[in-house]
Amino acid sequence: MGVANPPLFPCLVHLQPLQMHPIAAVMNEARHEIIRLRRANELLQAKVDVMDLFACVLHTTPAYQGQGMSIDIAWQLQQEIERLEKQEPVSPEGPAQ
C-alpha cells in the first residue's frame, strides 16, 4: 500500500465553514496551532532526552526526568468554542450585532 501524500497546504486542512462564530473560528485556529506546536515539542523533547542521556554516559551525571504539568489551553479553547456555538447561531451574513 502507498503512503498518503501530505496536504499541499497543511495550515488549511482544519479550516471550518463560514457558519462558525468568528470568535470560535479564531479560538479553533489557536487550538490547532497549540496542538501542532505540542507535536513539534514532543519531537524536540525526544532529541533533548537523547542528548541528556549522552551527557549522563559521558560525564556520569545522574539522570533526571523532570516534566512539569500545566493547564490544557487547547482543551479549554475547545470547551469555549462549543459553548459559543450553542449560545448564538451565526447566520451566513455574519454574527448579529
PDB file of N, CA and C in Angstrom:
ATOM      1  N   MET A   1       0.831  -1.179   0.000  1.00  0.00           N
ATOM      2  CA  MET A   1       0.000   0.000   0.000  1.00  0.00           C
ATOM      3  C   MET A   1       0.874   1.241   0.000  1.00  0.00           C
ATOM      4  N   GLY A   2       0.431   2.253  -0.695  1.00  0.00           N
ATOM      5  CA  GLY A   2       1.173   3.501  -0.769  1.00  0.00           C
ATOM      6  C   GLY A   2       0.884   4.392   0.427  1.00  0.00           C
ATOM      7  N   VAL A   3       1.810   5.279   0.680  1.00  0.00           N
ATOM      8  CA  VAL A   3       1.648   6.240   1.767  1.00  0.00           C
ATOM      9  C   VAL A   3       0.860   7.436   1.237  1.00  0.00           C
ATOM     10  N   ALA A   4      -0.074   7.911   2.036  1.00  0.00           N
ATOM     11  CA  ALA A   4      -0.888   9.056   1.623  1.00  0.00           C
ATOM     12  C   ALA A   4      -0.012  10.299   1.512  1.00  0.00           C
ATOM     13  N   ASN A   5      -0.242  11.074   0.471  1.00  0.00           N
ATOM     14  CA  ASN A   5       0.505  12.314   0.298  1.00  0.00           C
ATOM     15  C   ASN A   5       0.031  13.350   1.300  1.00  0.00           C
ATOM     16  N   PRO A   6       0.963  14.118   1.888  1.00  0.00           N
ATOM     17  CA  PRO A   6       0.532  15.174   2.808  1.00  0.00           C
ATOM     18  C   PRO A   6      -0.203  16.262   2.037  1.00  0.00           C
ATOM     19  N   PRO A   7      -1.087  16.991   2.696  1.00  0.00           N
ATOM     20  CA  PRO A   7      -1.815  18.057   2.006  1.00  0.00           C
ATOM     21  C   PRO A   7      -0.869  19.144   1.516  1.00  0.00           C
ATOM     22  N   LEU A   8      -1.225  19.783   0.416  1.00  0.00           N
ATOM     23  CA  LEU A   8      -0.389  20.823  -0.166  1.00  0.00           C
ATOM     24  C   LEU A   8      -0.250  22.011   0.781  1.00  0.00           C
ATOM     25  N   PHE A   9      -1.341  22.380   1.426  1.00  0.00           N
ATOM     26  CA  PHE A   9      -1.326  23.480   2.388  1.00  0.00           C
ATOM     27  C   PHE A   9      -1.814  22.956   3.731  1.00  0.00           C
ATOM     28  N   PRO A  10      -0.903  22.409   4.570  1.00  0.00           N
ATOM     29  CA  PRO A  10      -1.353  21.798   5.822  1.00  0.00           C
ATOM     30  C   PRO A  10      -2.040  22.765   6.770  1.00  0.00           C
ATOM     31  N   CYS A  11      -1.732  24.056   6.677  1.00  0.00           N
ATOM     32  CA  CYS A  11      -2.373  25.021   7.584  1.00  0.00           C
ATOM     33  C   CYS A  11      -3.849  25.216   7.253  1.00  0.00           C
ATOM     34  N   LEU A  12      -4.302  24.796   6.059  1.00  0.00           N
ATOM     35  CA  LEU A  12      -5.691  24.991   5.660  1.00  0.00           C
ATOM     36  C   LEU A  12      -6.552  23.756   5.867  1.00  0.00           C
ATOM     37  N   VAL A  13      -5.966  22.661   6.357  1.00  0.00           N
ATOM     38  CA  VAL A  13      -6.697  21.405   6.482  1.00  0.00           C
ATOM     39  C   VAL A  13      -7.846  21.516   7.473  1.00  0.00           C
ATOM     40  N   HIS A  14      -7.658  22.235   8.561  1.00  0.00           N
ATOM     41  CA  HIS A  14      -8.643  22.266   9.630  1.00  0.00           C
ATOM     42  C   HIS A  14      -9.558  23.481   9.582  1.00  0.00           C
ATOM     43  N   LEU A  15      -9.600  24.231   8.484  1.00  0.00           N
ATOM     44  CA  LEU A  15     -10.479  25.396   8.404  1.00  0.00           C
ATOM     45  C   LEU A  15     -11.941  24.965   8.479  1.00  0.00           C
ATOM     46  N   GLN A  16     -12.712  25.743   9.166  1.00  0.00           N
ATOM     47  CA  GLN A  16     -14.119  25.434   9.377  1.00  0.00           C
ATOM     48  C   GLN A  16     -14.968  26.197   8.358  1.00  0.00           C
ATOM     49  N   PRO A  17     -16.201  25.762   8.136  1.00  0.00           N
ATOM     50  CA  PRO A  17     -17.087  26.506   7.241  1.00  0.00           C
ATOM     51  C   PRO A  17     -17.349  27.911   7.770  1.00  0.00           C
ATOM     52  N   LEU A  18     -17.837  28.786   6.909  1.00  0.00           N
ATOM     53  CA  LEU A  18     -18.057  30.176   7.273  1.00  0.00           C
ATOM     54  C   LEU A  18     -19.164  30.359   8.307  1.00  0.00           C
ATOM     55  N   GLN A  19     -19.917  29.309   8.602  1.00  0.00           N
ATOM     56  CA  GLN A  19     -21.029  29.416   9.538  1.00  0.00           C
ATOM     57  C   GLN A  19     -20.552  29.499  10.985  1.00  0.00           C
ATOM     58  N   MET A  20     -19.285  29.256  11.254  1.00  0.00           N
ATOM     59  CA  MET A  20     -18.783  29.252  12.624  1.00  0.00           C
ATOM     60  C   MET A  20     -18.736  30.686  13.163  1.00  0.00           C
ATOM     61  N   HIS A  21     -19.034  30.834  14.425  1.00  0.00           N
ATOM     62  CA  HIS A  21     -18.949  32.117  15.108  1.00  0.00           C
ATOM     63  C   HIS A  21     -17.520  32.651  14.933  1.00  0.00           C
ATOM     64  N   PRO A  22     -17.342  33.939  14.609  1.00  0.00           N
ATOM     65  CA  PRO A  22     -15.990  34.466  14.339  1.00  0.00           C
ATOM     66  C   PRO A  22     -15.016  34.264  15.494  1.00  0.00           C
ATOM     67  N   ILE A  23     -15.465  34.466  16.719  1.00  0.00           N
ATOM     68  CA  ILE A  23     -14.585  34.266  17.864  1.00  0.00           C
ATOM     69  C   ILE A  23     -14.240  32.790  17.992  1.00  0.00           C
ATOM     70  N   ALA A  24     -15.222  31.921  17.767  1.00  0.00           N
ATOM     71  CA  ALA A  24     -14.976  30.489  17.843  1.00  0.00           C
ATOM     72  C   ALA A  24     -13.996  30.057  16.756  1.00  0.00           C
ATOM     73  N   ALA A  25     -14.078  30.666  15.583  1.00  0.00           N
ATOM     74  CA  ALA A  25     -13.153  30.316  14.497  1.00  0.00           C
ATOM     75  C   ALA A  25     -11.721  30.679  14.869  1.00  0.00           C
ATOM     76  N   VAL A  26     -11.527  31.846  15.458  1.00  0.00           N
ATOM     77  CA  VAL A  26     -10.185  32.259  15.892  1.00  0.00           C
ATOM     78  C   VAL A  26      -9.685  31.342  17.000  1.00  0.00           C
ATOM     79  N   MET A  27     -10.573  31.010  17.928  1.00  0.00           N
ATOM     80  CA  MET A  27     -10.191  30.116  19.020  1.00  0.00           C
ATOM     81  C   MET A  27      -9.851  28.730  18.485  1.00  0.00           C
ATOM     82  N   ASN A  28     -10.601  28.275  17.489  1.00  0.00           N
ATOM     83  CA  ASN A  28     -10.331  26.975  16.889  1.00  0.00           C
ATOM     84  C   ASN A  28      -8.962  26.975  16.209  1.00  0.00           C
ATOM     85  N   GLU A  29      -8.645  28.050  15.525  1.00  0.00           N
ATOM     86  CA  GLU A  29      -7.333  28.186  14.881  1.00  0.00           C
ATOM     87  C   GLU A  29      -6.227  28.159  15.932  1.00  0.00           C
ATOM     88  N   ALA A  30      -6.444  28.851  17.042  1.00  0.00           N
ATOM     89  CA  ALA A  30      -5.459  28.850  18.126  1.00  0.00           C
ATOM     90  C   ALA A  30      -5.281  27.456  18.709  1.00  0.00           C
ATOM     91  N   ARG A  31      -6.382  26.740  18.873  1.00  0.00           N
ATOM     92  CA  ARG A  31      -6.321  25.377  19.413  1.00  0.00           C
ATOM     93  C   ARG A  31      -5.506  24.473  18.501  1.00  0.00           C
ATOM     94  N   HIS A  32      -5.747  24.579  17.187  1.00  0.00           N
ATOM     95  CA  HIS A  32      -4.994  23.756  16.235  1.00  0.00           C
ATOM     96  C   HIS A  32      -3.510  24.111  16.258  1.00  0.00           C
ATOM     97  N   GLU A  33      -3.200  25.375  16.409  1.00  0.00           N
ATOM     98  CA  GLU A  33      -1.800  25.798  16.474  1.00  0.00           C
ATOM     99  C   GLU A  33      -1.130  25.246  17.727  1.00  0.00           C
ATOM    100  N   ILE A  34      -1.837  25.262  18.845  1.00  0.00           N
ATOM    101  CA  ILE A  34      -1.293  24.706  20.089  1.00  0.00           C
ATOM    102  C   ILE A  34      -1.012  23.222  19.923  1.00  0.00           C
ATOM    103  N   ILE A  35      -1.954  22.500  19.339  1.00  0.00           N
ATOM    104  CA  ILE A  35      -1.782  21.057  19.139  1.00  0.00           C
ATOM    105  C   ILE A  35      -0.601  20.784  18.212  1.00  0.00           C
ATOM    106  N   ARG A  36      -0.454  21.586  17.133  1.00  0.00           N
ATOM    107  CA  ARG A  36       0.673  21.409  16.220  1.00  0.00           C
ATOM    108  C   ARG A  36       2.000  21.662  16.932  1.00  0.00           C
ATOM    109  N   LEU A  37       2.036  22.700  17.744  1.00  0.00           N
ATOM    110  CA  LEU A  37       3.266  23.015  18.471  1.00  0.00           C
ATOM    111  C   LEU A  37       3.587  21.955  19.523  1.00  0.00           C
ATOM    112  N   ARG A  38       2.561  21.362  20.127  1.00  0.00           N
ATOM    113  CA  ARG A  38       2.802  20.269  21.084  1.00  0.00           C
ATOM    114  C   ARG A  38       3.483  19.097  20.397  1.00  0.00           C
ATOM    115  N   ARG A  39       3.033  18.765  19.183  1.00  0.00           N
ATOM    116  CA  ARG A  39       3.661  17.656  18.442  1.00  0.00           C
ATOM    117  C   ARG A  39       5.121  17.972  18.143  1.00  0.00           C
ATOM    118  N   ALA A  40       5.387  19.210  17.744  1.00  0.00           N
ATOM    119  CA  ALA A  40       6.771  19.615  17.480  1.00  0.00           C
ATOM    120  C   ALA A  40       7.601  19.539  18.761  1.00  0.00           C
ATOM    121  N   ASN A  41       7.012  19.946  19.889  1.00  0.00           N
ATOM    122  CA  ASN A  41       7.717  19.883  21.163  1.00  0.00           C
ATOM    123  C   ASN A  41       8.009  18.452  21.579  1.00  0.00           C
ATOM    124  N   GLU A  42       7.097  17.524  21.280  1.00  0.00           N
ATOM    125  CA  GLU A  42       7.343  16.122  21.602  1.00  0.00           C
ATOM    126  C   GLU A  42       8.577  15.608  20.860  1.00  0.00           C
ATOM    127  N   LEU A  43       8.704  15.971  19.588  1.00  0.00           N
ATOM    128  CA  LEU A  43       9.881  15.558  18.822  1.00  0.00           C
ATOM    129  C   LEU A  43      11.148  16.186  19.379  1.00  0.00           C
ATOM    130  N   LEU A  44      11.075  17.458  19.703  1.00  0.00           N
ATOM    131  CA  LEU A  44      12.244  18.131  20.274  1.00  0.00           C
ATOM    132  C   LEU A  44      12.605  17.556  21.643  1.00  0.00           C
ATOM    133  N   GLN A  45      11.601  17.212  22.439  1.00  0.00           N
ATOM    134  CA  GLN A  45      11.864  16.623  23.753  1.00  0.00           C
ATOM    135  C   GLN A  45      12.584  15.291  23.616  1.00  0.00           C
ATOM    136  N   ALA A  46      12.214  14.504  22.621  1.00  0.00           N
ATOM    137  CA  ALA A  46      12.901  13.229  22.396  1.00  0.00           C
ATOM    138  C   ALA A  46      14.376  13.479  22.073  1.00  0.00           C
ATOM    139  N   LYS A  47      14.656  14.492  21.280  1.00  0.00           N
ATOM    140  CA  LYS A  47      16.047  14.818  20.956  1.00  0.00           C
ATOM    141  C   LYS A  47      16.806  15.281  22.199  1.00  0.00           C
ATOM    142  N   VAL A  48      16.166  16.087  23.017  1.00  0.00           N
ATOM    143  CA  VAL A  48      16.803  16.563  24.244  1.00  0.00           C
ATOM    144  C   VAL A  48      17.080  15.391  25.177  1.00  0.00           C
ATOM    145  N   ASP A  49      16.144  14.459  25.273  1.00  0.00           N
ATOM    146  CA  ASP A  49      16.345  13.291  26.133  1.00  0.00           C
ATOM    147  C   ASP A  49      17.554  12.473  25.692  1.00  0.00           C
ATOM    148  N   VAL A  50      17.732  12.326  24.381  1.00  0.00           N
ATOM    149  CA  VAL A  50      18.899  11.588  23.872  1.00  0.00           C
ATOM    150  C   VAL A  50      20.182  12.327  24.220  1.00  0.00           C
ATOM    151  N   MET A  51      20.172  13.651  24.048  1.00  0.00           N
ATOM    152  CA  MET A  51      21.359  14.433  24.387  1.00  0.00           C
ATOM    153  C   MET A  51      21.654  14.349  25.883  1.00  0.00           C
ATOM    154  N   ASP A  52      20.625  14.393  26.720  1.00  0.00           N
ATOM    155  CA  ASP A  52      20.821  14.254  28.163  1.00  0.00           C
ATOM    156  C   ASP A  52      21.393  12.876  28.499  1.00  0.00           C
ATOM    157  N   LEU A  53      20.918  11.849  27.807  1.00  0.00           N
ATOM    158  CA  LEU A  53      21.430  10.506  28.035  1.00  0.00           C
ATOM    159  C   LEU A  53      22.914  10.432  27.673  1.00  0.00           C
ATOM    160  N   PHE A  54      23.277  11.022  26.534  1.00  0.00           N
ATOM    161  CA  PHE A  54      24.692  11.058  26.159  1.00  0.00           C
ATOM    162  C   PHE A  54      25.517  11.805  27.205  1.00  0.00           C
ATOM    163  N   ALA A  55      24.988  12.907  27.702  1.00  0.00           N
ATOM    164  CA  ALA A  55      25.701  13.675  28.726  1.00  0.00           C
ATOM    165  C   ALA A  55      25.890  12.841  29.987  1.00  0.00           C
ATOM    166  N   CYS A  56      24.862  12.082  30.355  1.00  0.00           N
ATOM    167  CA  CYS A  56      24.973  11.216  31.534  1.00  0.00           C
ATOM    168  C   CYS A  56      26.034  10.141  31.332  1.00  0.00           C
ATOM    169  N   VAL A  57      26.043   9.537  30.174  1.00  0.00           N
ATOM    170  CA  VAL A  57      27.002   8.466  29.891  1.00  0.00           C
ATOM    171  C   VAL A  57      28.424   9.023  29.832  1.00  0.00           C
ATOM    172  N   LEU A  58      28.602  10.153  29.178  1.00  0.00           N
ATOM    173  CA  LEU A  58      29.938  10.705  29.003  1.00  0.00           C
ATOM    174  C   LEU A  58      30.483  11.339  30.273  1.00  0.00           C
ATOM    175  N   HIS A  59      29.628  11.906  31.086  1.00  0.00           N
ATOM    176  CA  HIS A  59      30.096  12.620  32.269  1.00  0.00           C
ATOM    177  C   HIS A  59      29.644  11.969  33.570  1.00  0.00           C
ATOM    178  N   THR A  60      29.003  10.849  33.475  1.00  0.00           N
ATOM    179  CA  THR A  60      28.484  10.099  34.622  1.00  0.00           C
ATOM    180  C   THR A  60      27.673  10.966  35.584  1.00  0.00           C
ATOM    181  N   THR A  61      26.779  11.794  35.038  1.00  0.00           N
ATOM    182  CA  THR A  61      25.869  12.575  35.869  1.00  0.00           C
ATOM    183  C   THR A  61      24.577  11.782  36.036  1.00  0.00           C
ATOM    184  N   PRO A  62      23.903  11.960  37.150  1.00  0.00           N
ATOM    185  CA  PRO A  62      22.661  11.206  37.353  1.00  0.00           C
ATOM    186  C   PRO A  62      21.579  11.647  36.370  1.00  0.00           C
ATOM    187  N   ALA A  63      20.764  10.710  35.934  1.00  0.00           N
ATOM    188  CA  ALA A  63      19.663  11.003  35.008  1.00  0.00           C
ATOM    189  C   ALA A  63      18.564  11.751  35.749  1.00  0.00           C
ATOM    190  N   TYR A  64      17.950  12.700  35.075  1.00  0.00           N
ATOM    191  CA  TYR A  64      16.854  13.477  35.642  1.00  0.00           C
ATOM    192  C   TYR A  64      15.720  13.524  34.628  1.00  0.00           C
ATOM    193  N   GLN A  65      14.555  13.088  35.019  1.00  0.00           N
ATOM    194  CA  GLN A  65      13.389  13.073  34.136  1.00  0.00           C
ATOM    195  C   GLN A  65      12.326  14.007  34.676  1.00  0.00           C
ATOM    196  N   GLY A  66      12.594  15.285  34.719  1.00  0.00           N
ATOM    197  CA  GLY A  66      11.619  16.251  35.228  1.00  0.00           C
ATOM    198  C   GLY A  66      10.706  16.748  34.122  1.00  0.00           C
ATOM    199  N   GLN A  67       9.420  16.774  34.398  1.00  0.00           N
ATOM    200  CA  GLN A  67       8.459  17.287  33.422  1.00  0.00           C
ATOM    201  C   GLN A  67       7.323  17.953  34.191  1.00  0.00           C
ATOM    202  N   GLY A  68       7.071  19.204  33.878  1.00  0.00           N
ATOM    203  CA  GLY A  68       6.022  19.932  34.576  1.00  0.00           C
ATOM    204  C   GLY A  68       4.676  19.774  33.890  1.00  0.00           C
ATOM    205  N   MET A  69       3.637  20.026  34.637  1.00  0.00           N
ATOM    206  CA  MET A  69       2.281  19.967  34.101  1.00  0.00           C
ATOM    207  C   MET A  69       1.707  21.378  34.118  1.00  0.00           C
ATOM    208  N   SER A  70       0.859  21.665  33.149  1.00  0.00           N
ATOM    209  CA  SER A  70       0.209  22.974  33.104  1.00  0.00           C
ATOM    210  C   SER A  70      -1.241  22.795  32.660  1.00  0.00           C
ATOM    211  N   ILE A  71      -1.959  23.891  32.656  1.00  0.00           N
ATOM    212  CA  ILE A  71      -3.358  23.875  32.231  1.00  0.00           C
ATOM    213  C   ILE A  71      -3.410  23.545  30.735  1.00  0.00           C
ATOM    214  N   ASP A  72      -4.359  22.720  30.337  1.00  0.00           N
ATOM    215  CA  ASP A  72      -4.515  22.346  28.931  1.00  0.00           C
ATOM    216  C   ASP A  72      -5.329  23.428  28.220  1.00  0.00           C
ATOM    217  N   ILE A  73      -4.624  24.380  27.626  1.00  0.00           N
ATOM    218  CA  ILE A  73      -5.261  25.512  26.968  1.00  0.00           C
ATOM    219  C   ILE A  73      -6.077  25.057  25.764  1.00  0.00           C
ATOM    220  N   ALA A  74      -5.572  24.082  25.003  1.00  0.00           N
ATOM    221  CA  ALA A  74      -6.309  23.609  23.826  1.00  0.00           C
ATOM    222  C   ALA A  74      -7.663  23.033  24.243  1.00  0.00           C
ATOM    223  N   TRP A  75      -7.694  22.294  25.347  1.00  0.00           N
ATOM    224  CA  TRP A  75      -8.962  21.731  25.827  1.00  0.00           C
ATOM    225  C   TRP A  75      -9.895  22.850  26.253  1.00  0.00           C
ATOM    226  N   GLN A  76      -9.370  23.872  26.958  1.00  0.00           N
ATOM    227  CA  GLN A  76     -10.201  24.987  27.382  1.00  0.00           C
ATOM    228  C   GLN A  76     -10.763  25.745  26.181  1.00  0.00           C
ATOM    229  N   LEU A  77      -9.946  25.926  25.132  1.00  0.00           N
ATOM    230  CA  LEU A  77     -10.434  26.590  23.922  1.00  0.00           C
ATOM    231  C   LEU A  77     -11.561  25.790  23.285  1.00  0.00           C
ATOM    232  N   GLN A  78     -11.407  24.465  23.226  1.00  0.00           N
ATOM    233  CA  GLN A  78     -12.441  23.614  22.643  1.00  0.00           C
ATOM    234  C   GLN A  78     -13.747  23.744  23.418  1.00  0.00           C
ATOM    235  N   GLN A  79     -13.667  23.778  24.751  1.00  0.00           N
ATOM    236  CA  GLN A  79     -14.868  23.929  25.570  1.00  0.00           C
ATOM    237  C   GLN A  79     -15.541  25.275  25.313  1.00  0.00           C
ATOM    238  N   GLU A  80     -14.745  26.336  25.177  1.00  0.00           N
ATOM    239  CA  GLU A  80     -15.303  27.666  24.930  1.00  0.00           C
ATOM    240  C   GLU A  80     -15.927  27.744  23.535  1.00  0.00           C
ATOM    241  N   ILE A  81     -15.295  27.092  22.545  1.00  0.00           N
ATOM    242  CA  ILE A  81     -15.853  27.043  21.187  1.00  0.00           C
ATOM    243  C   ILE A  81     -17.231  26.385  21.214  1.00  0.00           C
ATOM    244  N   GLU A  82     -17.320  25.256  21.897  1.00  0.00           N
ATOM    245  CA  GLU A  82     -18.594  24.540  21.978  1.00  0.00           C
ATOM    246  C   GLU A  82     -19.641  25.391  22.685  1.00  0.00           C
ATOM    247  N   ARG A  83     -19.250  26.122  23.742  1.00  0.00           N
ATOM    248  CA  ARG A  83     -20.186  26.977  24.464  1.00  0.00           C
ATOM    249  C   ARG A  83     -20.686  28.105  23.560  1.00  0.00           C
ATOM    250  N   LEU A  84     -19.774  28.717  22.787  1.00  0.00           N
ATOM    251  CA  LEU A  84     -20.163  29.801  21.885  1.00  0.00           C
ATOM    252  C   LEU A  84     -21.092  29.309  20.784  1.00  0.00           C
ATOM    253  N   GLU A  85     -20.825  28.126  20.256  1.00  0.00           N
ATOM    254  CA  GLU A  85     -21.667  27.597  19.181  1.00  0.00           C
ATOM    255  C   GLU A  85     -23.071  27.283  19.676  1.00  0.00           C
ATOM    256  N   LYS A  86     -23.208  26.839  20.916  1.00  0.00           N
ATOM    257  CA  LYS A  86     -24.532  26.559  21.478  1.00  0.00           C
ATOM    258  C   LYS A  86     -25.266  27.845  21.820  1.00  0.00           C
ATOM    259  N   GLN A  87     -24.512  28.863  22.200  1.00  0.00           N
ATOM    260  CA  GLN A  87     -25.095  30.112  22.676  1.00  0.00           C
ATOM    261  C   GLN A  87     -25.758  30.913  21.569  1.00  0.00           C
ATOM    262  N   GLU A  88     -25.091  31.105  20.445  1.00  0.00           N
ATOM    263  CA  GLU A  88     -25.590  32.035  19.433  1.00  0.00           C
ATOM    264  C   GLU A  88     -25.326  31.488  18.031  1.00  0.00           C
ATOM    265  N   PRO A  89     -26.380  31.033  17.328  1.00  0.00           N
ATOM    266  CA  PRO A  89     -26.160  30.598  15.956  1.00  0.00           C
ATOM    267  C   PRO A  89     -25.786  31.790  15.068  1.00  0.00           C
ATOM    268  N   VAL A  90     -24.906  31.563  14.132  1.00  0.00           N
ATOM    269  CA  VAL A  90     -24.422  32.631  13.254  1.00  0.00           C
ATOM    270  C   VAL A  90     -25.052  32.455  11.880  1.00  0.00           C
ATOM    271  N   SER A  91     -25.608  33.536  11.344  1.00  0.00           N
ATOM    272  CA  SER A  91     -26.191  33.490  10.004  1.00  0.00           C
ATOM    273  C   SER A  91     -25.076  33.598   8.975  1.00  0.00           C
ATOM    274  N   PRO A  92     -25.328  33.202   7.707  1.00  0.00           N
ATOM    275  CA  PRO A  92     -24.299  33.318   6.675  1.00  0.00           C
ATOM    276  C   PRO A  92     -23.807  34.754   6.455  1.00  0.00           C
ATOM    277  N   GLU A  93     -24.627  35.758   6.823  1.00  0.00           N
ATOM    278  CA  GLU A  93     -24.233  37.147   6.664  1.00  0.00           C
ATOM    279  C   GLU A  93     -23.255  37.596   7.736  1.00  0.00           C
ATOM    280  N   GLY A  94     -23.085  36.812   8.770  1.00  0.00           N
ATOM    281  CA  GLY A  94     -22.177  37.173   9.850  1.00  0.00           C
ATOM    282  C   GLY A  94     -22.917  37.185  11.185  1.00  0.00           C
ATOM    283  N   PRO A  95     -22.185  37.487  12.263  1.00  0.00           N
ATOM    284  CA  PRO A  95     -22.821  37.487  13.583  1.00  0.00           C
ATOM    285  C   PRO A  95     -23.769  38.675  13.757  1.00  0.00           C
ATOM    286  N   ALA A  96     -24.746  38.479  14.607  1.00  0.00           N
ATOM    287  CA  ALA A  96     -25.689  39.552  14.917  1.00  0.00           C
ATOM    288  C   ALA A  96     -24.970  40.605  15.746  1.00  0.00           C
ATOM    289  N   GLN A  97     -25.196  41.861  15.428  1.00  0.00           N
ATOM    290  CA  GLN A  97     -24.506  42.945  16.145  1.00  0.00           C
ATOM    291  C   GLN A  97     -25.341  43.409  17.311  1.00  0.00           C
TER     292      GLN A  97
END
